[in-house]
């Protein structure tokens, strides 16, 4: 079994978010907030061993037989005190690699914001439709429909 490529993944999403926020503060010239973000980043670096400890490895084997052997691994061997677990990766087109830092909580809050905005827009459209319907009802009470045929039949054509 020969490995063609090996890429490690780390538990550093909090650090990446903090660095991104710091960059945004610098771009917006909010240097006091950037300094506060620097303190948060330094706190995250306090647990450096956690940031640099691999949490997953993406292994590309040269041959498919090696993949099958790895997926059927029952050896019980350990790496960094954890037992090895192999999962088949989805097709490369199914993964947006840049979005791997987002957790399911991030997606949940994004959906919550989207549903909130949709709810506000639906309520606003309901309010507009209600207002127009009410105005239409007021106009029809002010100027009721008249049956011209009945009036013409009753009073005749006097023009």
C-alpha atoms as a PDB file:
ATOM      1  CA  UNK A   1       0.000   0.000   0.000  1.00  0.00           C
ATOM      2  CA  UNK A   2       1.533   3.258  -1.098  1.00  0.00           C
ATOM      3  CA  UNK A   3       0.168   6.652  -0.085  1.00  0.00           C
ATOM      4  CA  UNK A   4      -0.003   9.243  -2.885  1.00  0.00           C
ATOM      5  CA  UNK A   5      -1.011  12.198  -0.710  1.00  0.00           C
ATOM      6  CA  UNK A   6      -1.674  12.876   2.962  1.00  0.00           C
ATOM      7  CA  UNK A   7      -3.320  16.060   4.267  1.00  0.00           C
ATOM      8  CA  UNK A   8      -4.099  16.670   7.937  1.00  0.00           C
ATOM      9  CA  UNK A   9      -7.061  18.564   9.339  1.00  0.00           C
ATOM     10  CA  UNK A  10      -6.820  20.443  12.638  1.00  0.00           C
ATOM     11  CA  UNK A  11      -9.290  21.707  15.221  1.00  0.00           C
ATOM     12  CA  UNK A  12      -8.532  25.354  14.500  1.00  0.00           C
ATOM     13  CA  UNK A  13     -11.830  26.796  13.272  1.00  0.00           C
ATOM     14  CA  UNK A  14     -12.018  29.207  16.254  1.00  0.00           C
ATOM     15  CA  UNK A  15      -8.555  30.531  15.360  1.00  0.00           C
ATOM     16  CA  UNK A  16      -9.498  30.944  11.690  1.00  0.00           C
ATOM     17  CA  UNK A  17     -12.675  32.851  12.641  1.00  0.00           C
ATOM     18  CA  UNK A  18     -10.688  35.087  15.007  1.00  0.00           C
ATOM     19  CA  UNK A  19      -8.046  35.821  12.361  1.00  0.00           C
ATOM     20  CA  UNK A  20     -10.741  36.587   9.788  1.00  0.00           C
ATOM     21  CA  UNK A  21     -12.477  38.977  12.227  1.00  0.00           C
ATOM     22  CA  UNK A  22      -9.131  40.662  12.973  1.00  0.00           C
ATOM     23  CA  UNK A  23      -8.540  41.126   9.233  1.00  0.00           C
ATOM     24  CA  UNK A  24     -11.989  42.682   8.827  1.00  0.00           C
ATOM     25  CA  UNK A  25     -11.329  45.094  11.699  1.00  0.00           C
ATOM     26  CA  UNK A  26      -8.014  46.123  10.140  1.00  0.00           C
ATOM     27  CA  UNK A  27      -9.692  46.617   6.738  1.00  0.00           C
ATOM     28  CA  UNK A  28     -12.357  48.797   8.381  1.00  0.00           C
ATOM     29  CA  UNK A  29      -9.616  50.699  10.292  1.00  0.00           C
ATOM     30  CA  UNK A  30     -11.086  49.745  13.665  1.00  0.00           C
ATOM     31  CA  UNK A  31      -7.722  49.235  15.287  1.00  0.00           C
ATOM     32  CA  UNK A  32      -9.020  49.171  18.866  1.00  0.00           C
ATOM     33  CA  UNK A  33     -11.230  46.193  18.014  1.00  0.00           C
ATOM     34  CA  UNK A  34      -8.329  44.610  16.128  1.00  0.00           C
ATOM     35  CA  UNK A  35      -6.239  44.828  19.309  1.00  0.00           C
ATOM     36  CA  UNK A  36      -9.046  43.166  21.286  1.00  0.00           C
ATOM     37  CA  UNK A  37      -9.134  40.440  18.655  1.00  0.00           C
ATOM     38  CA  UNK A  38      -5.344  40.055  19.039  1.00  0.00           C
ATOM     39  CA  UNK A  39      -5.894  39.274  22.719  1.00  0.00           C
ATOM     40  CA  UNK A  40      -8.448  36.625  21.802  1.00  0.00           C
ATOM     41  CA  UNK A  41      -6.028  35.139  19.263  1.00  0.00           C
ATOM     42  CA  UNK A  42      -3.264  35.041  21.871  1.00  0.00           C
ATOM     43  CA  UNK A  43      -5.620  33.207  24.248  1.00  0.00           C
ATOM     44  CA  UNK A  44      -6.304  30.641  21.531  1.00  0.00           C
ATOM     45  CA  UNK A  45      -2.568  30.167  21.029  1.00  0.00           C
ATOM     46  CA  UNK A  46      -2.315  29.427  24.758  1.00  0.00           C
ATOM     47  CA  UNK A  47      -3.559  25.919  23.956  1.00  0.00           C
ATOM     48  CA  UNK A  48      -1.102  25.475  21.074  1.00  0.00           C
ATOM     49  CA  UNK A  49      -0.937  21.697  21.405  1.00  0.00           C
ATOM     50  CA  UNK A  50      -4.701  21.469  20.753  1.00  0.00           C
ATOM     51  CA  UNK A  51      -4.399  23.707  17.678  1.00  0.00           C
ATOM     52  CA  UNK A  52      -1.567  21.672  16.168  1.00  0.00           C
ATOM     53  CA  UNK A  53      -2.871  18.193  16.974  1.00  0.00           C
ATOM     54  CA  UNK A  54      -4.344  16.547  13.865  1.00  0.00           C
ATOM     55  CA  UNK A  55      -8.014  15.595  14.139  1.00  0.00           C
ATOM     56  CA  UNK A  56      -8.361  13.922  10.747  1.00  0.00           C
ATOM     57  CA  UNK A  57      -6.204  12.867   7.830  1.00  0.00           C
ATOM     58  CA  UNK A  58      -7.231  12.835   4.201  1.00  0.00           C
ATOM     59  CA  UNK A  59      -5.306   9.999   2.589  1.00  0.00           C
ATOM     60  CA  UNK A  60      -5.064   9.397  -1.138  1.00  0.00           C
ATOM     61  CA  UNK A  61      -3.788   5.941  -2.011  1.00  0.00           C
ATOM     62  CA  UNK A  62      -2.088   5.130  -5.304  1.00  0.00           C
ATOM     63  CA  UNK A  63      -4.250   2.059  -5.855  1.00  0.00           C
ATOM     64  CA  UNK A  64      -7.877   1.300  -5.113  1.00  0.00           C
ATOM     65  CA  UNK A  65      -6.969  -2.001  -3.451  1.00  0.00           C
ATOM     66  CA  UNK A  66      -5.261  -0.040  -0.685  1.00  0.00           C
ATOM     67  CA  UNK A  67      -8.463   1.947  -0.165  1.00  0.00           C
ATOM     68  CA  UNK A  68     -10.490  -1.234   0.208  1.00  0.00           C
ATOM     69  CA  UNK A  69      -7.986  -2.656   2.696  1.00  0.00           C
ATOM     70  CA  UNK A  70      -8.049   0.591   4.725  1.00  0.00           C
ATOM     71  CA  UNK A  71     -11.865   0.693   4.779  1.00  0.00           C
ATOM     72  CA  UNK A  72     -11.949  -2.888   6.096  1.00  0.00           C
ATOM     73  CA  UNK A  73      -9.312  -2.177   8.767  1.00  0.00           C
ATOM     74  CA  UNK A  74     -10.009  -4.025  12.020  1.00  0.00           C
ATOM     75  CA  UNK A  75      -6.481  -3.888  13.453  1.00  0.00           C
ATOM     76  CA  UNK A  76      -7.291  -1.758  16.501  1.00  0.00           C
ATOM     77  CA  UNK A  77      -4.045   0.193  16.109  1.00  0.00           C
ATOM     78  CA  UNK A  78      -3.868   3.673  17.575  1.00  0.00           C
ATOM     79  CA  UNK A  79      -2.407   6.985  16.485  1.00  0.00           C
ATOM     80  CA  UNK A  80      -1.982   9.774  19.047  1.00  0.00           C
ATOM     81  CA  UNK A  81      -3.962   7.695  21.537  1.00  0.00           C
ATOM     82  CA  UNK A  82      -6.997   7.302  19.239  1.00  0.00           C
ATOM     83  CA  UNK A  83      -8.041   4.235  17.302  1.00  0.00           C
ATOM     84  CA  UNK A  84      -7.843   4.522  13.530  1.00  0.00           C
ATOM     85  CA  UNK A  85     -11.186   4.854  11.734  1.00  0.00           C
ATOM     86  CA  UNK A  86     -11.357   4.986   7.965  1.00  0.00           C
ATOM     87  CA  UNK A  87     -14.266   6.387   5.942  1.00  0.00           C
ATOM     88  CA  UNK A  88     -14.575   6.658   2.204  1.00  0.00           C
ATOM     89  CA  UNK A  89     -14.500  10.243   1.026  1.00  0.00           C
ATOM     90  CA  UNK A  90     -17.306  11.571  -1.101  1.00  0.00           C
ATOM     91  CA  UNK A  91     -16.629  12.549  -4.655  1.00  0.00           C
ATOM     92  CA  UNK A  92     -14.405  15.640  -4.908  1.00  0.00           C
ATOM     93  CA  UNK A  93     -17.155  17.599  -6.636  1.00  0.00           C
ATOM     94  CA  UNK A  94     -19.433  17.085  -3.592  1.00  0.00           C
ATOM     95  CA  UNK A  95     -17.145  18.953  -1.195  1.00  0.00           C
ATOM     96  CA  UNK A  96     -16.465  22.662  -1.084  1.00  0.00           C
ATOM     97  CA  UNK A  97     -13.106  22.443   0.653  1.00  0.00           C
ATOM     98  CA  UNK A  98     -13.035  26.106   1.653  1.00  0.00           C
ATOM     99  CA  UNK A  99     -16.215  25.592   3.732  1.00  0.00           C
ATOM    100  CA  UNK A 100     -14.865  22.765   5.890  1.00  0.00           C
ATOM    101  CA  UNK A 101     -14.214  25.217   8.762  1.00  0.00           C
ATOM    102  CA  UNK A 102     -17.939  25.835   9.246  1.00  0.00           C
ATOM    103  CA  UNK A 103     -19.638  23.693  11.864  1.00  0.00           C
ATOM    104  CA  UNK A 104     -23.217  22.465  11.844  1.00  0.00           C
ATOM    105  CA  UNK A 105     -24.007  25.203  14.408  1.00  0.00           C
ATOM    106  CA  UNK A 106     -22.795  27.815  11.882  1.00  0.00           C
ATOM    107  CA  UNK A 107     -25.131  26.380   9.246  1.00  0.00           C
ATOM    108  CA  UNK A 108     -27.991  26.274  11.765  1.00  0.00           C
ATOM    109  CA  UNK A 109     -27.583  29.978  12.611  1.00  0.00           C
ATOM    110  CA  UNK A 110     -27.321  30.881   8.922  1.00  0.00           C
ATOM    111  CA  UNK A 111     -30.592  29.050   8.287  1.00  0.00           C
ATOM    112  CA  UNK A 112     -32.152  30.737  11.306  1.00  0.00           C
ATOM    113  CA  UNK A 113     -31.194  34.172   9.940  1.00  0.00           C
ATOM    114  CA  UNK A 114     -32.523  33.250   6.479  1.00  0.00           C
ATOM    115  CA  UNK A 115     -35.841  31.991   7.884  1.00  0.00           C
ATOM    116  CA  UNK A 116     -36.156  35.111  10.036  1.00  0.00           C
ATOM    117  CA  UNK A 117     -35.653  37.359   7.009  1.00  0.00           C
ATOM    118  CA  UNK A 118     -38.163  35.294   5.020  1.00  0.00           C
ATOM    119  CA  UNK A 119     -40.667  35.554   7.884  1.00  0.00           C
ATOM    120  CA  UNK A 120     -40.259  39.331   8.058  1.00  0.00           C
ATOM    121  CA  UNK A 121     -40.739  39.635   4.293  1.00  0.00           C
ATOM    122  CA  UNK A 122     -43.835  37.415   4.395  1.00  0.00           C
ATOM    123  CA  UNK A 123     -45.298  39.464   7.231  1.00  0.00           C
ATOM    124  CA  UNK A 124     -44.580  42.699   5.332  1.00  0.00           C
ATOM    125  CA  UNK A 125     -46.250  41.354   2.181  1.00  0.00           C
ATOM    126  CA  UNK A 126     -49.242  40.212   4.262  1.00  0.00           C
ATOM    127  CA  UNK A 127     -49.489  43.708   5.791  1.00  0.00           C
ATOM    128  CA  UNK A 128     -49.387  45.362   2.349  1.00  0.00           C
ATOM    129  CA  UNK A 129     -52.013  42.977   0.920  1.00  0.00           C
ATOM    130  CA  UNK A 130     -54.241  43.490   3.983  1.00  0.00           C
ATOM    131  CA  UNK A 131     -53.913  47.278   3.698  1.00  0.00           C
ATOM    132  CA  UNK A 132     -54.786  47.239  -0.019  1.00  0.00           C
ATOM    133  CA  UNK A 133     -57.769  44.910   0.563  1.00  0.00           C
ATOM    134  CA  UNK A 134     -59.041  47.107   3.379  1.00  0.00           C
ATOM    135  CA  UNK A 135     -58.671  50.250   1.256  1.00  0.00           C
ATOM    136  CA  UNK A 136     -60.521  48.500  -1.588  1.00  0.00           C
ATOM    137  CA  UNK A 137     -63.363  47.581   0.790  1.00  0.00           C
ATOM    138  CA  UNK A 138     -63.606  51.188   2.006  1.00  0.00           C
ATOM    139  CA  UNK A 139     -63.761  52.468  -1.563  1.00  0.00           C
ATOM    140  CA  UNK A 140     -66.464  49.973  -2.493  1.00  0.00           C
ATOM    141  CA  UNK A 141     -68.532  51.079   0.539  1.00  0.00           C
ATOM    142  CA  UNK A 142     -68.086  54.719  -0.473  1.00  0.00           C
ATOM    143  CA  UNK A 143     -69.024  54.064  -4.083  1.00  0.00           C
ATOM    144  CA  UNK A 144     -71.268  50.965  -4.153  1.00  0.00           C
ATOM    145  CA  UNK A 145     -71.972  49.093  -7.376  1.00  0.00           C
ATOM    146  CA  UNK A 146     -75.086  50.296  -9.162  1.00  0.00           C
ATOM    147  CA  UNK A 147     -77.306  48.085 -11.288  1.00  0.00           C
ATOM    148  CA  UNK A 148     -77.797  50.377 -14.278  1.00  0.00           C
ATOM    149  CA  UNK A 149     -80.143  47.960 -16.080  1.00  0.00           C
ATOM    150  CA  UNK A 150     -82.599  47.969 -13.145  1.00  0.00           C
ATOM    151  CA  UNK A 151     -82.548  51.771 -12.930  1.00  0.00           C
ATOM    152  CA  UNK A 152     -83.051  52.088 -16.672  1.00  0.00           C
ATOM    153  CA  UNK A 153     -85.914  49.600 -16.558  1.00  0.00           C
ATOM    154  CA  UNK A 154     -87.555  51.309 -13.564  1.00  0.00           C
ATOM    155  CA  UNK A 155     -87.159  54.961 -14.582  1.00  0.00           C
ATOM    156  CA  UNK A 156     -86.721  54.621 -18.295  1.00  0.00           C
ATOM    157  CA  UNK A 157     -84.119  56.300 -20.411  1.00  0.00           C
ATOM    158  CA  UNK A 158     -84.537  59.988 -19.655  1.00  0.00           C
ATOM    159  CA  UNK A 159     -81.513  61.334 -21.364  1.00  0.00           C
END
